[in-house]
């Protein structure tokens, strides 16, 4: 069951002025693993599991008196894929004896993200020391999903039929793809209040909102609704 992993990281820093710094970093993670076989399950039914991530961050920091402003721009692409090593070959499960053929459930999940964030921190004195921080963030998300169950036919055999004919068969059909977008907003304010040397209060409030977290545009197909209504009568 081999696992191959490659990790890359690079960072550039620039100081345009004594009170400012600019950083740019890039990270890539590339993994692939063959797994999900052993015992009665032969290797032709294994899963080809892949995770690929590309992430870049551009950050600017500036000190203004006793305050610090941090602004960052992030870009990320993530792919999470669980596919068959030997696609298209029917799956035959001889219960208690042998399990051969292709993996019958596959997923391919993708996410693209562009994020903008700004944090502002400053120090103050009033009945103790205060570290005040406020900020806001916006993330533009794009999702691309594919989940296919029994796209490859699945058959089960047992001793009752002397392993000659399947007593159970499964075959999935339909459109397994889903694409949609979502925008995430966040704003917060917090106060780390040092009341005494051995007492600090962490106070804060945060508000978050998502425009399309559950894919508001999706509708159950009319044929499925009709089928459910018929079966419930």
C-alpha atoms as a PDB file:
ATOM      1  CA  UNK A   1       0.000   0.000   0.000  1.00  0.00           C
ATOM      2  CA  UNK A   2       2.296   2.764  -1.231  1.00  0.00           C
ATOM      3  CA  UNK A   3       2.070   6.366  -0.049  1.00  0.00           C
ATOM      4  CA  UNK A   4       3.779   9.110  -2.052  1.00  0.00           C
ATOM      5  CA  UNK A   5       3.981  12.611  -0.624  1.00  0.00           C
ATOM      6  CA  UNK A   6       5.614  15.788  -1.912  1.00  0.00           C
ATOM      7  CA  UNK A   7       5.627  19.033   0.088  1.00  0.00           C
ATOM      8  CA  UNK A   8       6.895  22.365  -1.224  1.00  0.00           C
ATOM      9  CA  UNK A   9       7.209  25.685   0.582  1.00  0.00           C
ATOM     10  CA  UNK A  10       8.680  29.045  -0.424  1.00  0.00           C
ATOM     11  CA  UNK A  11       8.633  32.457   1.227  1.00  0.00           C
ATOM     12  CA  UNK A  12       9.774  35.945   0.237  1.00  0.00           C
ATOM     13  CA  UNK A  13      10.001  38.888   2.648  1.00  0.00           C
ATOM     14  CA  UNK A  14      10.420  42.568   1.906  1.00  0.00           C
ATOM     15  CA  UNK A  15      10.709  45.593   4.213  1.00  0.00           C
ATOM     16  CA  UNK A  16       9.746  48.735   2.255  1.00  0.00           C
ATOM     17  CA  UNK A  17      10.087  50.915   5.394  1.00  0.00           C
ATOM     18  CA  UNK A  18      11.199  50.521   8.993  1.00  0.00           C
ATOM     19  CA  UNK A  19       7.607  50.094  10.203  1.00  0.00           C
ATOM     20  CA  UNK A  20       6.384  47.882   7.352  1.00  0.00           C
ATOM     21  CA  UNK A  21       6.912  44.307   6.182  1.00  0.00           C
ATOM     22  CA  UNK A  22       5.536  42.405   3.208  1.00  0.00           C
ATOM     23  CA  UNK A  23       5.578  38.609   3.044  1.00  0.00           C
ATOM     24  CA  UNK A  24       4.597  36.246   0.261  1.00  0.00           C
ATOM     25  CA  UNK A  25       4.464  32.504   0.885  1.00  0.00           C
ATOM     26  CA  UNK A  26       3.468  29.518  -1.223  1.00  0.00           C
ATOM     27  CA  UNK A  27       2.753  25.973  -0.097  1.00  0.00           C
ATOM     28  CA  UNK A  28       1.942  22.866  -2.119  1.00  0.00           C
ATOM     29  CA  UNK A  29       0.938  19.466  -0.792  1.00  0.00           C
ATOM     30  CA  UNK A  30       0.693  16.525  -3.178  1.00  0.00           C
ATOM     31  CA  UNK A  31      -0.209  13.115  -1.760  1.00  0.00           C
ATOM     32  CA  UNK A  32      -1.299   9.841  -3.325  1.00  0.00           C
ATOM     33  CA  UNK A  33      -2.014   6.582  -1.515  1.00  0.00           C
ATOM     34  CA  UNK A  34      -3.242   3.188  -2.697  1.00  0.00           C
ATOM     35  CA  UNK A  35      -5.375   1.737   0.090  1.00  0.00           C
ATOM     36  CA  UNK A  36      -8.573  -0.139   0.960  1.00  0.00           C
ATOM     37  CA  UNK A  37      -7.521  -3.685   0.060  1.00  0.00           C
ATOM     38  CA  UNK A  38      -6.356  -6.766   1.917  1.00  0.00           C
ATOM     39  CA  UNK A  39      -7.839  -9.981   3.287  1.00  0.00           C
ATOM     40  CA  UNK A  40     -10.590 -11.080   0.892  1.00  0.00           C
ATOM     41  CA  UNK A  41     -10.477  -7.760  -0.993  1.00  0.00           C
ATOM     42  CA  UNK A  42      -8.043  -7.945  -3.904  1.00  0.00           C
ATOM     43  CA  UNK A  43      -5.876  -5.037  -4.992  1.00  0.00           C
ATOM     44  CA  UNK A  44      -7.898  -4.386  -8.153  1.00  0.00           C
ATOM     45  CA  UNK A  45     -10.595  -3.014  -5.832  1.00  0.00           C
ATOM     46  CA  UNK A  46      -8.258  -0.645  -4.035  1.00  0.00           C
ATOM     47  CA  UNK A  47      -8.819   3.076  -3.672  1.00  0.00           C
ATOM     48  CA  UNK A  48      -6.553   5.658  -5.303  1.00  0.00           C
ATOM     49  CA  UNK A  49      -6.695   8.423  -2.690  1.00  0.00           C
ATOM     50  CA  UNK A  50      -5.225  11.827  -3.629  1.00  0.00           C
ATOM     51  CA  UNK A  51      -4.992  15.165  -1.850  1.00  0.00           C
ATOM     52  CA  UNK A  52      -3.579  18.163  -3.756  1.00  0.00           C
ATOM     53  CA  UNK A  53      -3.427  21.621  -2.190  1.00  0.00           C
ATOM     54  CA  UNK A  54      -1.991  24.861  -3.563  1.00  0.00           C
ATOM     55  CA  UNK A  55      -2.025  27.845  -1.207  1.00  0.00           C
ATOM     56  CA  UNK A  56      -0.522  31.340  -1.529  1.00  0.00           C
ATOM     57  CA  UNK A  57      -0.615  34.157   1.042  1.00  0.00           C
ATOM     58  CA  UNK A  58       0.346  37.814   0.564  1.00  0.00           C
ATOM     59  CA  UNK A  59       0.556  39.720   3.865  1.00  0.00           C
ATOM     60  CA  UNK A  60       1.310  43.331   4.732  1.00  0.00           C
ATOM     61  CA  UNK A  61       2.074  44.537   8.277  1.00  0.00           C
ATOM     62  CA  UNK A  62       2.401  48.162   9.331  1.00  0.00           C
ATOM     63  CA  UNK A  63       3.091  49.680  12.750  1.00  0.00           C
ATOM     64  CA  UNK A  64       1.389  53.015  13.452  1.00  0.00           C
ATOM     65  CA  UNK A  65       2.368  54.339  16.862  1.00  0.00           C
ATOM     66  CA  UNK A  66       1.140  51.763  19.355  1.00  0.00           C
ATOM     67  CA  UNK A  67      -1.089  50.092  16.769  1.00  0.00           C
ATOM     68  CA  UNK A  68      -0.525  47.317  14.254  1.00  0.00           C
ATOM     69  CA  UNK A  69      -2.448  46.767  11.037  1.00  0.00           C
ATOM     70  CA  UNK A  70      -2.254  43.405   9.250  1.00  0.00           C
ATOM     71  CA  UNK A  71      -3.778  42.826   5.833  1.00  0.00           C
ATOM     72  CA  UNK A  72      -3.645  39.538   3.968  1.00  0.00           C
ATOM     73  CA  UNK A  73      -4.768  38.131   0.633  1.00  0.00           C
ATOM     74  CA  UNK A  74      -5.047  34.352   0.344  1.00  0.00           C
ATOM     75  CA  UNK A  75      -5.599  32.060  -2.616  1.00  0.00           C
ATOM     76  CA  UNK A  76      -6.163  28.339  -2.245  1.00  0.00           C
ATOM     77  CA  UNK A  77      -7.027  25.412  -4.472  1.00  0.00           C
ATOM     78  CA  UNK A  78      -7.871  22.064  -2.875  1.00  0.00           C
ATOM     79  CA  UNK A  79      -8.660  18.752  -4.532  1.00  0.00           C
ATOM     80  CA  UNK A  80      -9.697  15.674  -2.533  1.00  0.00           C
ATOM     81  CA  UNK A  81     -10.087  12.634  -4.739  1.00  0.00           C
ATOM     82  CA  UNK A  82     -11.012   9.056  -3.885  1.00  0.00           C
ATOM     83  CA  UNK A  83     -11.220   7.006  -7.074  1.00  0.00           C
ATOM     84  CA  UNK A  84     -10.809   3.445  -8.280  1.00  0.00           C
ATOM     85  CA  UNK A  85      -7.440   1.935  -9.152  1.00  0.00           C
ATOM     86  CA  UNK A  86      -9.079  -0.247 -11.795  1.00  0.00           C
ATOM     87  CA  UNK A  87     -12.187   1.711 -12.910  1.00  0.00           C
ATOM     88  CA  UNK A  88     -15.004   0.220 -14.946  1.00  0.00           C
ATOM     89  CA  UNK A  89     -14.608  -3.413 -13.843  1.00  0.00           C
ATOM     90  CA  UNK A  90     -17.782  -4.808 -12.174  1.00  0.00           C
ATOM     91  CA  UNK A  91     -17.502  -5.539  -8.455  1.00  0.00           C
ATOM     92  CA  UNK A  92     -18.161  -9.194  -7.474  1.00  0.00           C
ATOM     93  CA  UNK A  93     -18.342 -10.007  -3.769  1.00  0.00           C
ATOM     94  CA  UNK A  94     -18.374 -13.725  -2.965  1.00  0.00           C
ATOM     95  CA  UNK A  95     -19.300 -13.380   0.705  1.00  0.00           C
ATOM     96  CA  UNK A  96     -16.804 -15.094   2.969  1.00  0.00           C
ATOM     97  CA  UNK A  97     -14.587 -16.161   0.071  1.00  0.00           C
ATOM     98  CA  UNK A  98     -13.313 -13.475  -2.244  1.00  0.00           C
ATOM     99  CA  UNK A  99     -14.043  -9.826  -3.104  1.00  0.00           C
ATOM    100  CA  UNK A 100     -12.869  -8.812  -6.588  1.00  0.00           C
ATOM    101  CA  UNK A 101     -13.438  -6.046  -9.103  1.00  0.00           C
ATOM    102  CA  UNK A 102     -13.408  -2.275  -9.104  1.00  0.00           C
ATOM    103  CA  UNK A 103     -14.211   0.076  -6.229  1.00  0.00           C
ATOM    104  CA  UNK A 104     -17.887   1.047  -6.597  1.00  0.00           C
ATOM    105  CA  UNK A 105     -17.936   4.416  -4.817  1.00  0.00           C
ATOM    106  CA  UNK A 106     -15.950   7.418  -6.055  1.00  0.00           C
ATOM    107  CA  UNK A 107     -15.561  11.024  -4.954  1.00  0.00           C
ATOM    108  CA  UNK A 108     -13.868  14.046  -6.499  1.00  0.00           C
ATOM    109  CA  UNK A 109     -14.180  17.185  -4.362  1.00  0.00           C
ATOM    110  CA  UNK A 110     -12.685  20.543  -5.348  1.00  0.00           C
ATOM    111  CA  UNK A 111     -12.591  23.907  -3.598  1.00  0.00           C
ATOM    112  CA  UNK A 112     -11.247  27.262  -4.803  1.00  0.00           C
ATOM    113  CA  UNK A 113     -10.877  30.113  -2.345  1.00  0.00           C
ATOM    114  CA  UNK A 114      -9.905  33.773  -2.535  1.00  0.00           C
ATOM    115  CA  UNK A 115      -9.822  35.524   0.837  1.00  0.00           C
ATOM    116  CA  UNK A 116      -9.249  39.075   2.001  1.00  0.00           C
ATOM    117  CA  UNK A 117      -8.682  39.904   5.682  1.00  0.00           C
ATOM    118  CA  UNK A 118      -7.697  42.967   7.714  1.00  0.00           C
ATOM    119  CA  UNK A 119      -6.874  43.052  11.455  1.00  0.00           C
ATOM    120  CA  UNK A 120      -6.199  46.187  13.473  1.00  0.00           C
ATOM    121  CA  UNK A 121      -4.682  45.983  16.985  1.00  0.00           C
ATOM    122  CA  UNK A 122      -3.782  48.691  19.463  1.00  0.00           C
ATOM    123  CA  UNK A 123      -2.886  49.109  23.150  1.00  0.00           C
ATOM    124  CA  UNK A 124      -4.755  51.211  25.709  1.00  0.00           C
ATOM    125  CA  UNK A 125      -4.741  51.853  29.478  1.00  0.00           C
ATOM    126  CA  UNK A 126      -7.964  52.149  31.488  1.00  0.00           C
ATOM    127  CA  UNK A 127      -8.422  50.311  34.777  1.00  0.00           C
ATOM    128  CA  UNK A 128      -5.635  48.055  33.619  1.00  0.00           C
ATOM    129  CA  UNK A 129      -4.041  47.236  30.298  1.00  0.00           C
ATOM    130  CA  UNK A 130      -6.080  46.572  27.180  1.00  0.00           C
ATOM    131  CA  UNK A 131      -5.089  44.895  23.934  1.00  0.00           C
ATOM    132  CA  UNK A 132      -7.884  45.769  21.540  1.00  0.00           C
ATOM    133  CA  UNK A 133      -8.310  44.064  18.215  1.00  0.00           C
ATOM    134  CA  UNK A 134     -10.883  44.335  15.456  1.00  0.00           C
ATOM    135  CA  UNK A 135     -11.052  42.995  11.956  1.00  0.00           C
ATOM    136  CA  UNK A 136     -13.072  41.795   9.044  1.00  0.00           C
ATOM    137  CA  UNK A 137     -12.745  39.071   6.437  1.00  0.00           C
ATOM    138  CA  UNK A 138     -14.330  38.096   3.135  1.00  0.00           C
ATOM    139  CA  UNK A 139     -13.903  34.722   1.429  1.00  0.00           C
ATOM    140  CA  UNK A 140     -15.107  33.940  -2.081  1.00  0.00           C
ATOM    141  CA  UNK A 141     -15.593  30.177  -2.350  1.00  0.00           C
ATOM    142  CA  UNK A 142     -16.228  27.951  -5.345  1.00  0.00           C
ATOM    143  CA  UNK A 143     -17.057  24.270  -4.973  1.00  0.00           C
ATOM    144  CA  UNK A 144     -17.035  21.475  -7.500  1.00  0.00           C
ATOM    145  CA  UNK A 145     -18.210  18.094  -6.198  1.00  0.00           C
ATOM    146  CA  UNK A 146     -18.731  14.703  -7.739  1.00  0.00           C
ATOM    147  CA  UNK A 147     -19.991  11.745  -5.692  1.00  0.00           C
ATOM    148  CA  UNK A 148     -20.943   8.582  -7.551  1.00  0.00           C
ATOM    149  CA  UNK A 149     -22.331   5.520  -5.751  1.00  0.00           C
ATOM    150  CA  UNK A 150     -22.370   2.203  -7.612  1.00  0.00           C
ATOM    151  CA  UNK A 151     -21.498   3.840 -10.908  1.00  0.00           C
ATOM    152  CA  UNK A 152     -19.716   0.543 -11.386  1.00  0.00           C
ATOM    153  CA  UNK A 153     -22.198  -2.351 -10.934  1.00  0.00           C
ATOM    154  CA  UNK A 154     -21.985  -4.310  -7.676  1.00  0.00           C
ATOM    155  CA  UNK A 155     -23.025  -7.965  -7.260  1.00  0.00           C
ATOM    156  CA  UNK A 156     -23.125 -10.199  -4.188  1.00  0.00           C
ATOM    157  CA  UNK A 157     -22.975 -13.986  -4.308  1.00  0.00           C
ATOM    158  CA  UNK A 158     -23.596 -16.476  -1.488  1.00  0.00           C
ATOM    159  CA  UNK A 159     -23.572 -20.199  -0.813  1.00  0.00           C
ATOM    160  CA  UNK A 160     -27.382 -20.475  -0.949  1.00  0.00           C
ATOM    161  CA  UNK A 161     -27.228 -20.110  -4.734  1.00  0.00           C
ATOM    162  CA  UNK A 162     -23.952 -22.077  -4.790  1.00  0.00           C
ATOM    163  CA  UNK A 163     -22.145 -18.884  -5.881  1.00  0.00           C
ATOM    164  CA  UNK A 164     -23.630 -19.198  -9.383  1.00  0.00           C
ATOM    165  CA  UNK A 165     -25.998 -16.211  -9.595  1.00  0.00           C
ATOM    166  CA  UNK A 166     -26.030 -12.960  -7.601  1.00  0.00           C
ATOM    167  CA  UNK A 167     -28.738 -12.620  -4.968  1.00  0.00           C
ATOM    168  CA  UNK A 168     -28.178  -8.827  -4.763  1.00  0.00           C
ATOM    169  CA  UNK A 169     -27.260  -6.274  -7.414  1.00  0.00           C
ATOM    170  CA  UNK A 170     -26.764  -2.513  -7.189  1.00  0.00           C
ATOM    171  CA  UNK A 171     -26.308   0.019  -9.938  1.00  0.00           C
ATOM    172  CA  UNK A 172     -26.359   3.785  -9.533  1.00  0.00           C
ATOM    173  CA  UNK A 173     -27.433   6.307 -12.140  1.00  0.00           C
ATOM    174  CA  UNK A 174     -28.072  10.023 -12.439  1.00  0.00           C
ATOM    175  CA  UNK A 175     -25.887  13.116 -12.377  1.00  0.00           C
ATOM    176  CA  UNK A 176     -23.330  12.958  -9.526  1.00  0.00           C
ATOM    177  CA  UNK A 177     -21.946  16.468 -10.122  1.00  0.00           C
ATOM    178  CA  UNK A 178     -22.601  19.604  -8.094  1.00  0.00           C
ATOM    179  CA  UNK A 179     -21.121  23.080  -8.666  1.00  0.00           C
ATOM    180  CA  UNK A 180     -21.930  26.183  -6.624  1.00  0.00           C
ATOM    181  CA  UNK A 181     -20.445  29.343  -5.113  1.00  0.00           C
ATOM    182  CA  UNK A 182     -20.518  30.822  -1.627  1.00  0.00           C
ATOM    183  CA  UNK A 183     -19.350  34.084  -0.047  1.00  0.00           C
ATOM    184  CA  UNK A 184     -18.350  34.207   3.618  1.00  0.00           C
ATOM    185  CA  UNK A 185     -18.260  37.413   5.688  1.00  0.00           C
ATOM    186  CA  UNK A 186     -16.875  37.875   9.166  1.00  0.00           C
ATOM    187  CA  UNK A 187     -16.347  40.798  11.546  1.00  0.00           C
ATOM    188  CA  UNK A 188     -15.187  40.786  15.155  1.00  0.00           C
ATOM    189  CA  UNK A 189     -14.031  42.885  18.094  1.00  0.00           C
ATOM    190  CA  UNK A 190     -12.089  41.625  21.101  1.00  0.00           C
ATOM    191  CA  UNK A 191     -10.458  43.031  24.222  1.00  0.00           C
ATOM    192  CA  UNK A 192      -7.759  41.262  26.232  1.00  0.00           C
ATOM    193  CA  UNK A 193      -8.126  43.175  29.499  1.00  0.00           C
ATOM    194  CA  UNK A 194      -5.360  42.698  32.050  1.00  0.00           C
ATOM    195  CA  UNK A 195      -7.137  43.562  35.270  1.00  0.00           C
ATOM    196  CA  UNK A 196      -4.263  42.398  37.505  1.00  0.00           C
ATOM    197  CA  UNK A 197      -1.006  40.495  37.137  1.00  0.00           C
ATOM    198  CA  UNK A 198      -2.785  37.185  37.631  1.00  0.00           C
ATOM    199  CA  UNK A 199      -6.130  38.038  35.994  1.00  0.00           C
ATOM    200  CA  UNK A 200      -6.857  38.657  32.311  1.00  0.00           C
ATOM    201  CA  UNK A 201     -10.332  38.853  30.809  1.00  0.00           C
ATOM    202  CA  UNK A 202     -10.796  37.874  27.170  1.00  0.00           C
ATOM    203  CA  UNK A 203     -13.903  39.651  25.921  1.00  0.00           C
ATOM    204  CA  UNK A 204     -15.192  39.720  22.384  1.00  0.00           C
ATOM    205  CA  UNK A 205     -18.003  39.478  19.909  1.00  0.00           C
ATOM    206  CA  UNK A 206     -18.068  38.059  16.381  1.00  0.00           C
ATOM    207  CA  UNK A 207     -20.571  37.959  13.514  1.00  0.00           C
ATOM    208  CA  UNK A 208     -20.371  35.617  10.517  1.00  0.00           C
ATOM    209  CA  UNK A 209     -22.582  35.257   7.482  1.00  0.00           C
ATOM    210  CA  UNK A 210     -22.571  32.978   4.436  1.00  0.00           C
ATOM    211  CA  UNK A 211     -24.605  33.674   1.309  1.00  0.00           C
ATOM    212  CA  UNK A 212     -24.950  30.111   0.015  1.00  0.00           C
ATOM    213  CA  UNK A 213     -23.650  27.648   2.594  1.00  0.00           C
ATOM    214  CA  UNK A 214     -26.212  24.951   1.718  1.00  0.00           C
ATOM    215  CA  UNK A 215     -26.484  25.682  -2.031  1.00  0.00           C
ATOM    216  CA  UNK A 216     -29.783  27.585  -2.027  1.00  0.00           C
ATOM    217  CA  UNK A 217     -30.216  27.154  -5.800  1.00  0.00           C
ATOM    218  CA  UNK A 218     -30.507  23.371  -5.657  1.00  0.00           C
ATOM    219  CA  UNK A 219     -33.932  21.849  -6.229  1.00  0.00           C
ATOM    220  CA  UNK A 220     -35.034  18.242  -5.942  1.00  0.00           C
ATOM    221  CA  UNK A 221     -35.645  16.972  -9.513  1.00  0.00           C
ATOM    222  CA  UNK A 222     -39.326  16.738 -10.458  1.00  0.00           C
ATOM    223  CA  UNK A 223     -38.978  13.046 -11.346  1.00  0.00           C
ATOM    224  CA  UNK A 224     -37.657  12.263  -7.862  1.00  0.00           C
ATOM    225  CA  UNK A 225     -40.500  14.205  -6.219  1.00  0.00           C
ATOM    226  CA  UNK A 226     -43.031  12.339  -8.344  1.00  0.00           C
ATOM    227  CA  UNK A 227     -41.468   8.998  -7.463  1.00  0.00           C
ATOM    228  CA  UNK A 228     -41.519   9.758  -3.739  1.00  0.00           C
ATOM    229  CA  UNK A 229     -45.140  10.896  -3.868  1.00  0.00           C
ATOM    230  CA  UNK A 230     -46.109   7.706  -5.695  1.00  0.00           C
ATOM    231  CA  UNK A 231     -44.288   5.389  -3.286  1.00  0.00           C
ATOM    232  CA  UNK A 232     -45.823   7.084  -0.232  1.00  0.00           C
ATOM    233  CA  UNK A 233     -49.418   6.491  -1.358  1.00  0.00           C
END
